[in-house]
Protein backbone atom coordinates (compact mmCIF):
# COMPACT_ATOMS: atom_id res chain seq x y z
CA MET A 1 -17.44 42.41 -319.85
CA ASN A 2 -19.88 45.00 -320.51
CA ARG A 3 -18.75 48.94 -320.49
CA GLU A 4 -20.53 49.47 -317.37
CA VAL A 5 -18.26 46.99 -315.48
CA THR A 6 -15.54 48.09 -316.93
CA THR A 7 -15.69 51.85 -316.55
CA MET A 8 -16.41 50.98 -312.61
CA ALA A 9 -13.18 48.14 -312.60
CA GLY A 10 -11.36 51.28 -313.77
CA THR A 11 -12.09 53.84 -311.34
CA GLU A 12 -10.74 51.57 -308.73
CA VAL A 13 -7.61 51.33 -310.35
CA PHE A 14 -7.59 55.35 -310.36
CA ARG A 15 -8.98 55.69 -306.50
CA GLU A 16 -5.49 53.08 -305.66
CA LEU A 17 -3.80 55.03 -307.58
CA ALA A 18 -4.77 58.38 -306.00
CA SER A 19 -4.10 56.58 -302.74
CA THR A 20 -0.91 56.27 -303.38
CA VAL A 21 -0.54 59.27 -304.46
CA GLN A 22 -1.92 60.88 -301.37
CA GLN A 23 0.67 59.15 -298.86
CA ASP A 24 3.62 60.23 -301.02
CA GLN A 25 2.36 63.64 -301.86
CA GLN A 26 1.31 66.02 -298.88
CA PRO A 27 0.06 69.68 -299.88
CA GLN A 28 2.27 72.19 -300.86
CA ALA A 29 2.28 75.67 -300.73
CA VAL A 30 2.64 78.35 -303.36
CA GLY A 31 5.87 79.01 -304.00
CA PRO A 32 7.84 80.25 -307.29
CA LEU A 33 7.35 77.47 -308.98
CA ARG A 34 3.71 75.90 -310.52
CA GLY A 35 3.67 73.24 -312.96
CA SER A 36 2.81 69.81 -313.11
CA VAL A 37 4.82 66.56 -313.26
CA LEU A 38 4.02 64.04 -316.14
CA VAL A 39 4.73 60.27 -315.97
CA LEU A 40 4.52 58.10 -319.01
CA ILE A 41 3.97 54.61 -319.36
CA GLN A 42 3.96 52.70 -322.69
CA TYR A 43 3.55 49.09 -323.72
CA ASP A 44 4.13 47.28 -326.58
CA VAL A 45 0.46 44.61 -327.04
CA CYS A 46 0.58 43.92 -330.49
CA GLU A 47 1.73 44.13 -333.81
CA GLU A 48 -1.23 46.96 -334.93
CA ILE A 49 -4.02 48.56 -333.78
CA ARG A 50 -6.60 48.95 -336.15
CA LEU A 51 -7.53 52.90 -335.35
CA ASP A 52 -10.84 52.94 -337.43
CA VAL A 53 -12.13 50.24 -335.36
CA LEU A 54 -10.98 51.71 -331.67
CA ARG A 55 -13.04 54.90 -332.69
CA GLN A 56 -16.34 52.98 -333.22
CA LEU A 57 -15.39 50.67 -330.11
CA PHE A 58 -15.57 53.79 -327.81
CA SER A 59 -15.61 57.24 -327.42
CA ALA A 60 -12.08 58.96 -328.35
CA ARG A 61 -10.39 61.82 -330.18
CA SER A 62 -8.02 61.56 -332.78
CA ALA A 63 -4.69 63.12 -331.13
CA GLU A 64 -4.34 66.19 -333.68
CA ALA A 65 -0.20 66.89 -333.49
CA LYS A 66 0.58 70.45 -332.34
CA PHE A 67 3.66 72.00 -332.57
CA LYS A 68 5.20 75.58 -331.92
CA LYS A 69 5.81 76.32 -335.44
CA ALA A 70 4.49 75.72 -338.90
CA PRO A 71 1.50 72.51 -337.72
CA ALA A 72 0.59 72.04 -340.84
CA TYR A 73 3.44 70.38 -342.07
CA VAL A 74 3.90 68.47 -339.11
CA ARG A 75 1.34 65.54 -338.93
CA TYR A 76 1.48 61.89 -338.01
CA GLN A 77 0.56 60.11 -341.02
CA ARG A 78 -2.14 57.56 -338.88
CA THR A 79 -3.18 59.87 -336.26
CA PRO A 80 -3.41 58.37 -332.78
CA VAL A 81 -6.71 57.85 -330.73
CA GLU A 82 -6.50 59.49 -327.59
CA GLU A 83 -8.92 58.58 -324.71
CA THR A 84 -9.08 61.10 -321.56
CA LEU A 85 -9.52 59.08 -318.51
CA GLU A 86 -12.00 59.94 -315.23
CA PRO A 87 -9.95 62.84 -313.29
CA LEU A 88 -9.33 62.20 -309.66
CA VAL A 89 -8.99 65.16 -306.53
CA LEU A 90 -7.13 64.45 -304.39
CA GLU A 91 -7.61 65.07 -300.41
CA SER A 92 -4.63 67.57 -301.29
CA GLY A 93 -6.59 69.42 -303.70
CA GLU A 94 -4.58 68.90 -306.80
CA SER A 95 -5.97 67.03 -309.66
CA LEU A 96 -4.91 63.92 -310.81
CA GLU A 97 -5.62 63.40 -314.77
CA GLY A 98 -4.84 60.58 -316.90
CA GLN A 99 -4.83 59.94 -320.73
CA LEU A 100 -4.38 56.49 -322.78
CA LYS A 101 -3.10 57.08 -326.11
CA TYR A 102 -3.61 54.15 -328.77
CA TYR A 103 -0.56 54.28 -331.87
CA ASP A 104 -1.71 52.27 -334.90
CA TYR A 105 1.95 50.54 -334.81
CA GLY A 106 0.80 48.47 -331.75
CA VAL A 107 2.02 50.83 -329.03
CA VAL A 108 -0.52 52.30 -325.90
CA SER A 109 0.71 55.29 -324.15
CA LEU A 110 -0.52 56.05 -320.52
CA VAL A 111 0.36 59.69 -318.97
CA PHE A 112 -0.42 60.59 -315.23
CA GLU A 113 -0.42 64.23 -314.72
CA LEU A 114 0.11 65.87 -311.24
CA PRO A 115 0.40 69.10 -310.39
CA PHE A 116 3.01 70.88 -308.51
CA SER A 117 3.71 74.25 -306.94
CA GLY A 118 6.28 75.45 -304.48
CA GLU A 119 10.51 75.94 -304.28
CA TRP A 120 12.83 74.24 -306.62
CA GLU A 121 13.44 71.85 -303.78
CA THR A 122 9.85 70.34 -304.02
CA LEU A 123 10.81 69.93 -308.00
CA VAL A 124 14.19 68.45 -306.87
CA GLN A 125 12.42 65.75 -304.45
CA LEU A 126 9.45 65.03 -306.88
CA SER A 127 12.03 63.96 -309.36
CA SER A 128 14.17 61.73 -307.22
CA ARG A 129 10.87 60.42 -305.88
CA TRP A 130 8.21 59.75 -308.98
CA THR A 131 11.60 58.34 -310.82
CA SER A 132 12.01 55.83 -308.65
CA ASP A 133 8.34 55.08 -307.77
CA THR A 134 7.05 51.58 -308.72
CA ASN A 135 3.89 52.26 -307.85
CA PHE A 136 2.85 53.93 -311.25
CA GLU A 137 4.25 50.88 -312.93
CA LYS A 138 1.86 47.95 -311.17
CA LEU A 139 -1.22 50.45 -311.58
CA ALA A 140 -0.58 51.34 -314.97
CA LEU A 141 -0.83 48.06 -316.29
CA ARG A 142 -3.66 47.21 -314.92
CA VAL A 143 -5.40 50.27 -316.13
CA VAL A 144 -4.02 49.72 -319.23
CA LYS A 145 -5.61 45.53 -319.44
CA GLN A 146 -8.64 46.82 -318.30
CA LYS A 147 -9.15 49.39 -321.52
CA LEU A 148 -7.73 46.45 -323.44
CA GLU A 149 -10.34 44.55 -323.22
CA ARG A 150 -12.61 46.60 -324.66
CA ALA A 151 -10.15 47.56 -327.21
CA ALA A 152 -9.45 43.47 -328.16
CA PRO A 153 -11.54 43.95 -331.79
CA ALA A 154 -9.18 46.40 -333.08
CA LEU A 155 -5.59 44.53 -331.32
CA VAL A 156 -3.97 42.57 -334.67
CA LYS A 157 -2.14 39.97 -333.33
CA PRO A 158 -1.76 41.00 -329.67
CA TYR A 159 1.03 39.46 -327.95
CA SER A 160 0.47 36.62 -325.61
CA THR A 161 3.70 37.19 -323.25
CA GLU A 162 4.50 39.58 -320.95
CA TRP A 163 4.52 43.12 -322.79
CA LEU A 164 7.52 45.18 -323.22
CA GLN A 165 7.48 48.36 -321.20
CA GLU A 166 9.16 52.03 -321.68
CA ASP A 167 8.52 54.60 -319.28
CA TYR A 168 9.57 58.35 -319.25
CA TYR A 169 9.08 61.60 -316.60
CA ILE A 170 8.15 64.98 -317.59
CA PHE A 171 8.32 67.72 -315.35
CA HIS A 172 6.77 70.75 -316.95
CA VAL A 173 7.34 74.14 -314.93
CA ARG A 174 4.62 76.65 -316.78
CA GLU A 175 5.45 79.68 -314.48
CA VAL A 176 8.57 80.73 -312.42
CA GLU A 177 8.47 83.78 -310.49
CA GLY A 178 9.76 86.92 -312.25
CA ALA A 179 8.99 85.40 -315.40
CA PRO A 180 12.66 84.96 -316.22
CA SER A 181 14.17 83.93 -319.78
CA ALA A 182 15.55 80.40 -320.92
CA ASN A 183 19.19 81.63 -319.74
CA GLU A 184 18.56 83.64 -317.38
CA LEU A 185 16.89 80.41 -315.73
CA LEU A 186 20.17 78.73 -316.79
CA ASN A 187 21.96 80.83 -315.42
CA ALA A 188 20.37 81.17 -311.50
CA HIS A 189 18.95 77.38 -311.66
CA ASP A 190 21.61 75.32 -313.70
CA THR A 191 22.03 72.96 -310.73
CA GLU A 192 18.73 72.05 -309.88
CA ILE A 193 17.32 71.48 -313.43
CA ALA A 194 20.20 68.80 -313.89
CA GLN A 195 19.19 67.57 -310.67
CA VAL A 196 15.68 67.36 -311.95
CA VAL A 197 16.60 65.65 -315.67
CA ARG A 198 18.97 62.77 -313.28
CA GLY A 199 16.19 62.45 -310.80
CA GLU A 200 19.04 63.03 -307.73
CA THR A 201 18.86 65.08 -304.30
CA VAL A 202 22.23 65.78 -304.42
CA PRO A 203 23.90 68.09 -306.58
CA LEU A 204 26.34 66.44 -309.96
CA SER A 205 29.42 67.78 -310.40
CA ASP A 206 30.57 70.54 -312.89
CA ASP A 207 31.22 67.94 -315.81
CA GLU A 208 27.67 66.04 -315.44
CA ARG A 209 26.13 69.26 -315.22
CA GLN A 210 27.24 70.90 -318.21
CA GLU A 211 27.08 66.95 -320.35
CA ILE A 212 23.42 67.35 -319.19
CA LEU A 213 22.95 70.97 -320.17
CA LEU A 214 24.09 70.30 -323.56
CA SER A 215 20.91 68.55 -324.63
CA ARG A 216 18.67 71.78 -324.28
CA ILE A 217 17.20 73.17 -327.04
CA SER A 218 14.78 76.57 -326.94
CA TYR A 219 12.57 78.57 -329.77
CA TYR A 220 11.91 81.74 -328.22
CA PRO A 221 13.69 83.49 -325.41
CA SER A 222 11.24 82.33 -323.14
CA ASP A 223 10.91 78.63 -323.44
CA LEU A 224 13.78 75.94 -322.73
CA ALA A 225 13.51 72.07 -322.76
CA VAL A 226 16.41 69.99 -321.25
CA ILE A 227 16.30 66.14 -322.54
CA GLY A 228 17.50 63.61 -320.50
CA TRP A 229 17.66 59.55 -321.20
CA ASN A 230 14.64 58.91 -318.71
CA ALA A 231 13.24 62.39 -317.76
CA ALA A 232 12.90 65.89 -319.06
CA PHE A 233 12.76 69.76 -317.71
CA ILE A 234 10.46 71.94 -319.77
CA TYR A 235 10.02 75.38 -318.86
CA ASP A 236 7.15 76.50 -321.46
CA THR A 237 3.74 77.41 -321.24
CA ALA A 238 0.88 74.71 -321.23
CA GLN A 239 0.30 75.13 -325.39
CA GLY A 240 4.28 75.82 -326.37
CA ALA A 241 4.89 72.55 -323.75
CA GLU A 242 2.78 70.30 -326.50
CA THR A 243 5.55 70.24 -329.29
CA ALA A 244 8.23 68.65 -326.12
CA ILE A 245 5.53 66.57 -325.17
CA GLN A 246 3.62 65.04 -328.36
CA LEU A 247 7.73 64.30 -329.76
CA LEU A 248 8.76 62.52 -326.19
CA GLN A 249 5.98 59.94 -326.06
CA TYR A 250 6.58 59.60 -330.14
CA ALA A 251 10.41 58.98 -329.51
CA ASN A 252 9.94 56.59 -326.67
CA SER A 253 7.39 54.54 -328.59
CA GLN A 254 9.37 54.73 -331.42
CA LEU A 255 12.39 53.05 -328.92
CA LEU A 256 9.52 50.33 -327.51
CA GLU A 257 9.06 49.19 -330.75
CA PHE A 258 12.77 49.26 -332.23
CA ARG A 259 13.57 46.96 -328.67
CA HIS A 260 10.61 44.01 -330.14
CA TYR A 261 11.86 44.41 -333.66
CA ASP A 262 15.56 43.73 -331.96
CA GLU A 263 14.04 41.01 -329.45
CA LEU A 264 12.57 39.46 -332.24
CA MET A 265 15.00 39.26 -334.83
CA THR A 266 17.82 37.60 -331.82
CA LYS A 267 15.44 35.16 -331.79
CA GLU A 268 14.77 34.70 -335.02
CA LEU A 269 18.87 34.47 -335.51
CA GLU A 270 19.19 31.79 -333.05
CA ASN A 271 16.63 29.96 -334.37
CA VAL A 272 18.27 29.41 -337.72
CA TYR A 273 21.69 28.69 -335.91
CA ASP A 274 20.26 26.35 -334.24
CA PHE A 275 19.07 24.95 -337.68
CA LEU A 276 22.48 25.51 -339.45
CA GLU A 277 24.43 23.80 -336.66
CA ASP A 278 21.72 20.64 -336.67
CA GLY A 279 22.64 19.80 -339.64
CA GLY A 280 20.47 22.07 -342.04
CA THR A 281 24.23 22.59 -343.50
CA GLY A 282 24.58 18.82 -344.80
CA LEU A 283 23.81 17.51 -348.40
CA TRP A 284 20.47 15.84 -347.86
CA SER A 285 19.93 18.17 -344.59
CA ARG A 286 19.70 21.05 -347.57
CA TRP A 287 16.69 20.57 -348.84
CA ARG A 288 15.23 21.35 -345.59
CA THR A 289 16.82 25.14 -345.84
CA ALA A 290 14.13 25.93 -348.53
CA ARG A 291 11.46 25.81 -345.74
CA ALA A 292 13.21 27.32 -342.91
CA ALA A 293 14.58 29.99 -345.43
CA SER A 294 11.19 30.50 -346.43
CA LYS A 295 10.45 31.52 -342.39
CA LEU A 296 13.33 34.02 -342.28
CA HIS A 297 12.26 35.42 -345.55
CA THR A 298 8.87 36.34 -344.34
CA VAL A 299 10.28 37.94 -340.86
CA LEU A 300 12.30 40.05 -342.60
CA LEU A 301 9.42 41.49 -344.57
CA ASP A 302 7.56 41.97 -341.95
CA VAL A 303 10.00 43.46 -339.87
CA ASN A 304 11.24 45.62 -342.63
CA GLU A 305 7.34 46.93 -342.70
CA LEU A 306 6.97 47.58 -339.73
CA THR A 307 10.37 49.53 -338.41
CA GLU A 308 9.23 51.48 -341.87
CA ARG A 309 5.82 52.17 -340.18
CA ALA A 310 7.21 53.19 -336.75
CA ASP A 311 10.14 55.07 -338.03
CA ASN A 312 7.45 57.23 -340.21
CA ALA A 313 4.53 57.70 -338.17
CA ILE A 314 5.56 61.62 -338.01
CA LYS A 315 6.13 63.42 -341.19
CA PHE A 316 8.39 66.84 -340.49
CA LEU A 317 7.45 68.89 -343.98
CA SER A 318 9.11 72.19 -343.19
CA ASP A 319 9.15 72.49 -339.46
CA MET A 320 13.25 72.60 -338.70
CA PHE A 321 12.71 72.85 -335.03
CA SER A 322 10.44 70.07 -334.17
CA ALA A 323 12.61 67.80 -336.47
CA ARG A 324 15.76 69.34 -334.19
CA LEU A 325 13.81 68.71 -331.44
CA TYR A 326 12.55 65.23 -332.09
CA LYS A 327 16.57 63.95 -333.02
CA LEU A 328 17.95 65.31 -329.72
CA ALA A 329 14.85 63.54 -327.84
CA ALA A 330 15.39 60.27 -330.32
CA SER A 331 18.89 60.55 -329.79
CA LYS A 332 18.72 60.72 -325.55
CA VAL A 333 16.06 58.02 -324.85
CA GLY A 334 18.20 55.71 -327.66
CA VAL A 335 16.56 55.12 -329.83
CA PRO A 336 19.40 55.45 -333.18
CA ASP A 337 20.81 52.40 -331.06
CA TYR A 338 18.44 50.11 -331.04
CA LYS A 339 17.45 51.24 -335.09
CA ASP A 340 20.98 50.42 -335.44
CA LEU A 341 20.86 46.92 -333.95
CA VAL A 342 17.73 45.85 -336.04
CA LYS A 343 19.23 47.12 -339.44
CA GLU A 344 22.58 44.85 -338.06
CA LYS A 345 20.06 42.22 -337.72
CA LEU A 346 18.18 42.34 -340.88
CA GLN A 347 21.79 42.71 -342.70
CA THR A 348 22.89 39.35 -341.00
CA ALA A 349 19.49 37.61 -341.70
CA GLU A 350 19.56 38.76 -345.22
CA ASP A 351 23.08 37.45 -345.64
CA LEU A 352 21.61 34.14 -343.70
CA TYR A 353 18.55 33.98 -346.32
CA ARG A 354 20.94 34.06 -348.99
CA PHE A 355 23.41 31.69 -347.89
CA MET A 356 20.43 28.99 -347.17
CA VAL A 357 18.75 29.71 -350.41
CA ASP A 358 22.23 29.08 -351.95
CA GLN A 359 22.92 25.79 -349.99
CA PHE A 360 19.39 24.69 -351.40
CA ASN A 361 20.17 25.57 -354.95
CA GLN A 362 23.85 23.42 -354.82
CA SER A 363 22.18 20.87 -353.26
CA ARG A 364 19.26 20.64 -355.83
CA ALA A 365 22.07 21.21 -358.94
CA PHE A 366 23.68 18.38 -357.15
CA VAL A 367 20.89 15.81 -356.95
CA LEU A 368 19.81 16.55 -360.39
CA GLU A 369 23.37 16.20 -362.03
CA LEU A 370 22.89 13.02 -359.53
CA MET A 371 19.71 11.92 -361.74
CA VAL A 372 21.13 12.25 -364.90
CA VAL A 373 24.57 10.09 -364.05
CA VAL A 374 21.98 7.63 -362.79
CA ILE A 375 20.45 7.76 -365.97
CA LEU A 376 22.79 7.47 -367.80
CA ILE A 377 24.70 4.38 -366.32
CA ILE A 378 21.46 2.86 -366.78
CA GLU A 379 21.09 3.27 -370.88
CA LEU A 380 25.22 1.96 -370.46
CA VAL A 381 24.26 -1.22 -368.68
CA TYR A 382 21.51 -1.61 -371.21
CA PHE A 383 23.49 -0.59 -374.27
CA PHE A 384 26.33 -3.48 -373.47
CA ARG A 385 23.80 -5.64 -372.43
CA GLY A 386 22.46 -5.44 -376.07
CA LYS A 387 18.88 -4.88 -374.38
CA PRO A 388 17.05 -1.85 -375.62
CA ILE A 389 16.11 0.28 -372.93
């Protein structure tokens, strides 16, 4: 497929997406809130994306890290490649923008940005609608597949099975009437903010609201981020919100990778258990454990290398705020939980590898001893028969 055909196909998908959004979103009157909804959908598509090759295939730019404090000391180890998709203007007059970001560890991140303006109730309804909508997922998958056809030379070991997916929603409020501080905003609208983060139209209980608001963080008195497992509320300028948005993207991409490694290790361990149950510990069958142990060890090395790459994609050299924000985002979306699962399974695999190697060594030692005994018996037989060997 040539570049022109691919571009036309991508445009058709975005037109379909625009039509879907129009059916669900009516023109809003200007209200006390102005901002945008960011729909983040990510896919784990391959083992690695060669970013240098990708830059040569099509016009794209490096997605340099933009952080609120000390940008020179917070950077990507391998800067992702970012591609801006063609914007669309809806009949309501609002513009729908899309961006694709390619991470070197095999994750593709698609972001749709939808502007909004209205009352707090408008934002609450948007949150409830978009966090339960499936149209974006279907259309995003089509967009990504079309784009990856052109990016195929840059993909290392692409996954042929169904891709793992993560979605996340960011409700970014740039302006609030009266320009309140973060504390003033929380005091006046903590109920609505909690509803937005949970995607609920009904006010939550006091305990649940307080639990949600524990996951808040601010750098200046005028900014606020409340992070949830599936959505986040951000009150900041467009430039200031880049810190939270980029780190939320990164944290969700990490979650996707560790989910993949967890599934991979689960399958490998199941294969090893099946091998051992089928007679892999028998005296003569132990010779086959050498090949099985070697395969398991190769998987261990690959997973260790890939997890380190995903885990160290961003370096926080002296920006403690960004580091704390990332830690909060990662903990809320579940990165540490899956990371611990992968570590546990890696340790189990290491123990199994050592066990299998020990079994093989014992079997080899037994065979060598048996050969020595057989040789001695043959020598004794010839000795007593009086015939030299």
